[in-house]
Amino acid sequence: MQLDIKTVVKKIAFDILILQKERVSVKLKLEKIKNGDDEIVIRYKKMNPTIEEIVNLTSRQKEKLLAKGEKGNTFLWLDDILYCERVDGLVFAYTMDKVYQIFHSLKDLEAAYYELGCIRCSKSMVVNIYKIHYLNSEPYGRIRATMENDEEIMISRKYANRIRTILQEGSQDEA
């Protein structure tokens, strides 16, 4: 089963920044190829929890959710979901160009897929942080997030500090 290589690379880069924060020397080398299959090679001196997580991430089957679309029930890959929103008691998943009703609560989504980047960003929304393209600070402690499809969502001030902390954990040593 194919993984979304862009999402995997973002997650690995984030884990490398965490390793750098822990003062572990790690290099990230990306190589574009013209032919053949995408592959990820991991070289390590000693196995540690971060390396194990990268291995699990790259070897795990993609997560999928049952969803209701225009033509009936289908499965959505979690990697394709930008964010989920509760509207009038129903939960909808937004992808690059479509909207689906899903049969999970936001609380369940965050609990089950937190490690894969599904983070609560408001009372009625969970965002896939790996699908955020830009972040802009807004008045009153809120954050405007521009997703990969250029759609903008608002991260409420209640959850903004938590998301800032998650995103800054790896970026503090980057400067």
C-alpha atoms as a PDB file:
ATOM      1  CA  MET A   1       0.000   0.000   0.000  1.00  0.00           C
ATOM      2  CA  GLN A   2       1.444   3.370  -1.071  1.00  0.00           C
ATOM      3  CA  LEU A   3       2.038   6.116   1.501  1.00  0.00           C
ATOM      4  CA  ASP A   4       1.706   9.833   0.797  1.00  0.00           C
ATOM      5  CA  ILE A   5       5.466  10.522   0.601  1.00  0.00           C
ATOM      6  CA  LYS A   6       5.054  14.284   1.186  1.00  0.00           C
ATOM      7  CA  THR A   7       3.269  13.664   4.486  1.00  0.00           C
ATOM      8  CA  VAL A   8       5.834  11.043   5.550  1.00  0.00           C
ATOM      9  CA  VAL A   9       8.736  13.411   4.820  1.00  0.00           C
ATOM     10  CA  LYS A  10       7.037  16.214   6.825  1.00  0.00           C
ATOM     11  CA  LYS A  11       6.568  13.866   9.778  1.00  0.00           C
ATOM     12  CA  ILE A  12      10.151  12.580   9.569  1.00  0.00           C
ATOM     13  CA  ALA A  13      11.513  16.143   9.365  1.00  0.00           C
ATOM     14  CA  PHE A  14       9.461  17.061  12.440  1.00  0.00           C
ATOM     15  CA  ASP A  15      10.861  14.028  14.314  1.00  0.00           C
ATOM     16  CA  ILE A  16      14.396  15.010  13.270  1.00  0.00           C
ATOM     17  CA  LEU A  17      13.850  18.477  14.730  1.00  0.00           C
ATOM     18  CA  ILE A  18      12.776  16.805  17.988  1.00  0.00           C
ATOM     19  CA  LEU A  19      15.971  14.721  17.916  1.00  0.00           C
ATOM     20  CA  GLN A  20      18.029  17.865  17.383  1.00  0.00           C
ATOM     21  CA  LYS A  21      16.323  19.420  20.394  1.00  0.00           C
ATOM     22  CA  GLU A  22      17.428  16.366  22.378  1.00  0.00           C
ATOM     23  CA  ARG A  23      20.985  17.032  21.102  1.00  0.00           C
ATOM     24  CA  VAL A  24      21.045  13.934  18.890  1.00  0.00           C
ATOM     25  CA  SER A  25      22.888  14.492  15.608  1.00  0.00           C
ATOM     26  CA  VAL A  26      20.666  13.577  12.656  1.00  0.00           C
ATOM     27  CA  LYS A  27      20.915  14.361   8.962  1.00  0.00           C
ATOM     28  CA  LEU A  28      18.034  14.395   6.497  1.00  0.00           C
ATOM     29  CA  LYS A  29      18.958  13.618   2.906  1.00  0.00           C
ATOM     30  CA  LEU A  30      16.348  13.845   0.143  1.00  0.00           C
ATOM     31  CA  GLU A  31      17.107  12.554  -3.325  1.00  0.00           C
ATOM     32  CA  LYS A  32      14.779  12.977  -6.297  1.00  0.00           C
ATOM     33  CA  ILE A  33      14.746  10.002  -8.656  1.00  0.00           C
ATOM     34  CA  LYS A  34      13.456   9.763 -12.225  1.00  0.00           C
ATOM     35  CA  ASN A  35      12.526   6.089 -12.246  1.00  0.00           C
ATOM     36  CA  GLY A  36      11.736   3.342  -9.778  1.00  0.00           C
ATOM     37  CA  ASP A  37       9.790   3.249  -6.541  1.00  0.00           C
ATOM     38  CA  ASP A  38       9.932   5.799  -3.743  1.00  0.00           C
ATOM     39  CA  GLU A  39      11.891   4.443  -0.808  1.00  0.00           C
ATOM     40  CA  ILE A  40      12.950   5.541   2.641  1.00  0.00           C
ATOM     41  CA  VAL A  41      16.276   4.367   4.076  1.00  0.00           C
ATOM     42  CA  ILE A  42      16.922   4.843   7.781  1.00  0.00           C
ATOM     43  CA  ARG A  43      20.482   4.550   9.121  1.00  0.00           C
ATOM     44  CA  TYR A  44      21.006   4.612  12.855  1.00  0.00           C
ATOM     45  CA  LYS A  45      23.638   3.762  15.448  1.00  0.00           C
ATOM     46  CA  LYS A  46      21.201   2.853  18.194  1.00  0.00           C
ATOM     47  CA  MET A  47      17.438   2.308  18.080  1.00  0.00           C
ATOM     48  CA  ASN A  48      15.522   4.933  20.074  1.00  0.00           C
ATOM     49  CA  PRO A  49      11.827   5.817  20.429  1.00  0.00           C
ATOM     50  CA  THR A  50      11.935   8.449  17.672  1.00  0.00           C
ATOM     51  CA  ILE A  51      13.559   6.077  15.178  1.00  0.00           C
ATOM     52  CA  GLU A  52      10.996   3.419  16.150  1.00  0.00           C
ATOM     53  CA  GLU A  53       8.184   5.897  15.491  1.00  0.00           C
ATOM     54  CA  ILE A  54       9.628   6.725  12.051  1.00  0.00           C
ATOM     55  CA  VAL A  55       9.831   2.993  11.265  1.00  0.00           C
ATOM     56  CA  ASN A  56       6.239   2.488  12.436  1.00  0.00           C
ATOM     57  CA  LEU A  57       5.095   5.472  10.410  1.00  0.00           C
ATOM     58  CA  THR A  58       6.648   4.226   7.184  1.00  0.00           C
ATOM     59  CA  SER A  59       5.707   0.564   7.562  1.00  0.00           C
ATOM     60  CA  ARG A  60       2.161   0.947   8.896  1.00  0.00           C
ATOM     61  CA  GLN A  61      -0.896   0.525   6.714  1.00  0.00           C
ATOM     62  CA  LYS A  62      -2.588   3.816   5.968  1.00  0.00           C
ATOM     63  CA  GLU A  63      -5.512   4.625   8.223  1.00  0.00           C
ATOM     64  CA  LYS A  64      -8.901   4.887   6.574  1.00  0.00           C
ATOM     65  CA  LEU A  65     -12.312   6.085   7.740  1.00  0.00           C
ATOM     66  CA  LEU A  66     -15.773   5.129   6.565  1.00  0.00           C
ATOM     67  CA  ALA A  67     -17.440   8.156   4.990  1.00  0.00           C
ATOM     68  CA  LYS A  68     -20.613   9.068   3.161  1.00  0.00           C
ATOM     69  CA  GLY A  69     -20.131  10.891  -0.112  1.00  0.00           C
ATOM     70  CA  GLU A  70     -22.374  11.993  -2.966  1.00  0.00           C
ATOM     71  CA  LYS A  71     -22.471   8.490  -4.451  1.00  0.00           C
ATOM     72  CA  GLY A  72     -22.830   6.544  -1.191  1.00  0.00           C
ATOM     73  CA  ASN A  73     -20.439   5.115   1.365  1.00  0.00           C
ATOM     74  CA  THR A  74     -16.713   5.059   0.686  1.00  0.00           C
ATOM     75  CA  PHE A  75     -13.417   4.939   2.558  1.00  0.00           C
ATOM     76  CA  LEU A  76     -11.216   8.013   3.052  1.00  0.00           C
ATOM     77  CA  TRP A  77      -7.499   7.808   3.720  1.00  0.00           C
ATOM     78  CA  LEU A  78      -6.630   9.816   6.815  1.00  0.00           C
ATOM     79  CA  ASP A  79      -3.743  11.390   4.872  1.00  0.00           C
ATOM     80  CA  ASP A  80      -6.265  12.890   2.442  1.00  0.00           C
ATOM     81  CA  ILE A  81      -8.226  14.708   5.159  1.00  0.00           C
ATOM     82  CA  LEU A  82      -7.315  18.358   5.753  1.00  0.00           C
ATOM     83  CA  TYR A  83      -9.687  18.889   8.676  1.00  0.00           C
ATOM     84  CA  CYS A  84     -12.940  17.648  10.186  1.00  0.00           C
ATOM     85  CA  GLU A  85     -15.769  19.875  11.364  1.00  0.00           C
ATOM     86  CA  ARG A  86     -18.957  19.288  13.356  1.00  0.00           C
ATOM     87  CA  VAL A  87     -21.983  21.076  11.885  1.00  0.00           C
ATOM     88  CA  ASP A  88     -25.515  20.581  13.270  1.00  0.00           C
ATOM     89  CA  GLY A  89     -24.474  17.435  15.110  1.00  0.00           C
ATOM     90  CA  LEU A  90     -22.862  15.789  12.054  1.00  0.00           C
ATOM     91  CA  VAL A  91     -19.111  15.493  11.428  1.00  0.00           C
ATOM     92  CA  PHE A  92     -17.721  16.298   7.990  1.00  0.00           C
ATOM     93  CA  ALA A  93     -14.246  15.585   6.604  1.00  0.00           C
ATOM     94  CA  TYR A  94     -12.780  18.074   4.141  1.00  0.00           C
ATOM     95  CA  THR A  95     -10.311  16.887   1.508  1.00  0.00           C
ATOM     96  CA  MET A  96      -8.574  18.893  -1.222  1.00  0.00           C
ATOM     97  CA  ASP A  97     -11.757  19.215  -3.253  1.00  0.00           C
ATOM     98  CA  LYS A  98     -14.611  17.282  -1.601  1.00  0.00           C
ATOM     99  CA  VAL A  99     -16.590  17.084   1.627  1.00  0.00           C
ATOM    100  CA  TYR A 100     -17.710  13.805   3.211  1.00  0.00           C
ATOM    101  CA  GLN A 101     -19.800  12.963   6.242  1.00  0.00           C
ATOM    102  CA  ILE A 102     -17.915  10.669   8.615  1.00  0.00           C
ATOM    103  CA  PHE A 103     -19.252   8.542  11.422  1.00  0.00           C
ATOM    104  CA  HIS A 104     -16.874   9.492  14.245  1.00  0.00           C
ATOM    105  CA  SER A 105     -17.029  12.193  16.887  1.00  0.00           C
ATOM    106  CA  LEU A 106     -14.296  14.838  16.948  1.00  0.00           C
ATOM    107  CA  LYS A 107     -13.259  13.550  20.370  1.00  0.00           C
ATOM    108  CA  ASP A 108     -12.799  10.027  18.981  1.00  0.00           C
ATOM    109  CA  LEU A 109     -10.871  11.315  15.948  1.00  0.00           C
ATOM    110  CA  GLU A 110      -8.436  13.260  18.083  1.00  0.00           C
ATOM    111  CA  ALA A 111      -7.980  10.394  20.538  1.00  0.00           C
ATOM    112  CA  ALA A 112      -7.387   7.791  17.833  1.00  0.00           C
ATOM    113  CA  TYR A 113      -5.268   9.852  15.440  1.00  0.00           C
ATOM    114  CA  TYR A 114      -3.467  12.416  17.602  1.00  0.00           C
ATOM    115  CA  GLU A 115      -0.098  10.782  16.863  1.00  0.00           C
ATOM    116  CA  LEU A 116      -0.861  11.097  13.138  1.00  0.00           C
ATOM    117  CA  GLY A 117      -1.422  14.853  13.398  1.00  0.00           C
ATOM    118  CA  CYS A 118      -5.155  15.195  14.142  1.00  0.00           C
ATOM    119  CA  ILE A 119      -5.316  17.990  16.700  1.00  0.00           C
ATOM    120  CA  ARG A 120      -8.339  19.839  18.110  1.00  0.00           C
ATOM    121  CA  CYS A 121      -8.266  23.449  16.907  1.00  0.00           C
ATOM    122  CA  SER A 122     -11.693  24.643  18.029  1.00  0.00           C
ATOM    123  CA  LYS A 123     -14.768  23.318  19.790  1.00  0.00           C
ATOM    124  CA  SER A 124     -16.162  22.147  16.459  1.00  0.00           C
ATOM    125  CA  MET A 125     -13.017  21.273  14.481  1.00  0.00           C
ATOM    126  CA  VAL A 126     -10.015  18.917  14.332  1.00  0.00           C
ATOM    127  CA  VAL A 127      -7.177  19.807  11.939  1.00  0.00           C
ATOM    128  CA  ASN A 128      -4.526  17.607  10.340  1.00  0.00           C
ATOM    129  CA  ILE A 129      -1.454  19.679  11.232  1.00  0.00           C
ATOM    130  CA  TYR A 130       0.545  18.057   8.425  1.00  0.00           C
ATOM    131  CA  LYS A 131      -1.846  19.614   5.897  1.00  0.00           C
ATOM    132  CA  ILE A 132      -1.370  23.210   7.102  1.00  0.00           C
ATOM    133  CA  HIS A 133       0.430  25.319   4.525  1.00  0.00           C
ATOM    134  CA  TYR A 134       0.666  28.680   6.347  1.00  0.00           C
ATOM    135  CA  LEU A 135      -0.086  30.077   9.797  1.00  0.00           C
ATOM    136  CA  ASN A 136      -0.910  33.715  10.545  1.00  0.00           C
ATOM    137  CA  SER A 137      -1.466  35.199  13.990  1.00  0.00           C
ATOM    138  CA  GLU A 138      -4.775  36.974  14.452  1.00  0.00           C
ATOM    139  CA  PRO A 139      -6.049  39.367  17.127  1.00  0.00           C
ATOM    140  CA  TYR A 140      -7.121  37.966  20.490  1.00  0.00           C
ATOM    141  CA  GLY A 141      -4.709  35.018  20.358  1.00  0.00           C
ATOM    142  CA  ARG A 142      -6.294  33.206  17.428  1.00  0.00           C
ATOM    143  CA  ILE A 143      -4.454  31.703  14.443  1.00  0.00           C
ATOM    144  CA  ARG A 144      -5.569  31.699  10.815  1.00  0.00           C
ATOM    145  CA  ALA A 145      -4.394  28.466   9.157  1.00  0.00           C
ATOM    146  CA  THR A 146      -4.213  28.189   5.377  1.00  0.00           C
ATOM    147  CA  MET A 147      -4.566  24.579   4.325  1.00  0.00           C
ATOM    148  CA  GLU A 148      -2.900  22.874   1.348  1.00  0.00           C
ATOM    149  CA  ASN A 149      -5.957  23.631  -0.806  1.00  0.00           C
ATOM    150  CA  ASP A 150      -5.731  27.366   0.116  1.00  0.00           C
ATOM    151  CA  GLU A 151      -8.851  27.153   2.298  1.00  0.00           C
ATOM    152  CA  GLU A 152      -8.525  29.096   5.541  1.00  0.00           C
ATOM    153  CA  ILE A 153      -9.669  27.897   8.945  1.00  0.00           C
ATOM    154  CA  MET A 154      -9.536  29.662  12.294  1.00  0.00           C
ATOM    155  CA  ILE A 155      -7.792  28.112  15.285  1.00  0.00           C
ATOM    156  CA  SER A 156      -9.509  29.400  18.406  1.00  0.00           C
ATOM    157  CA  ARG A 157      -7.507  31.008  21.201  1.00  0.00           C
ATOM    158  CA  LYS A 158      -8.399  28.124  23.542  1.00  0.00           C
ATOM    159  CA  TYR A 159      -6.461  25.697  21.321  1.00  0.00           C
ATOM    160  CA  ALA A 160      -3.963  28.108  19.715  1.00  0.00           C
ATOM    161  CA  ASN A 161      -1.344  27.852  22.466  1.00  0.00           C
ATOM    162  CA  ARG A 162      -1.465  24.062  22.352  1.00  0.00           C
ATOM    163  CA  ILE A 163      -0.939  24.049  18.580  1.00  0.00           C
ATOM    164  CA  ARG A 164       1.843  26.644  18.862  1.00  0.00           C
ATOM    165  CA  THR A 165       3.569  24.423  21.435  1.00  0.00           C
ATOM    166  CA  ILE A 166       3.261  21.331  19.235  1.00  0.00           C
ATOM    167  CA  LEU A 167       4.631  23.173  16.203  1.00  0.00           C
ATOM    168  CA  GLN A 168       7.418  24.919  18.123  1.00  0.00           C
ATOM    169  CA  GLU A 169       8.733  21.814  19.889  1.00  0.00           C
ATOM    170  CA  GLY A 170      10.876  21.020  16.877  1.00  0.00           C
ATOM    171  CA  SER A 171      11.492  24.511  15.539  1.00  0.00           C
ATOM    172  CA  GLN A 172      13.206  26.043  18.593  1.00  0.00           C
ATOM    173  CA  ASP A 173      16.623  24.659  17.683  1.00  0.00           C
ATOM    174  CA  GLU A 174      16.122  25.392  14.002  1.00  0.00           C
ATOM    175  CA  ALA A 175      17.021  29.076  14.445  1.00  0.00           C
END
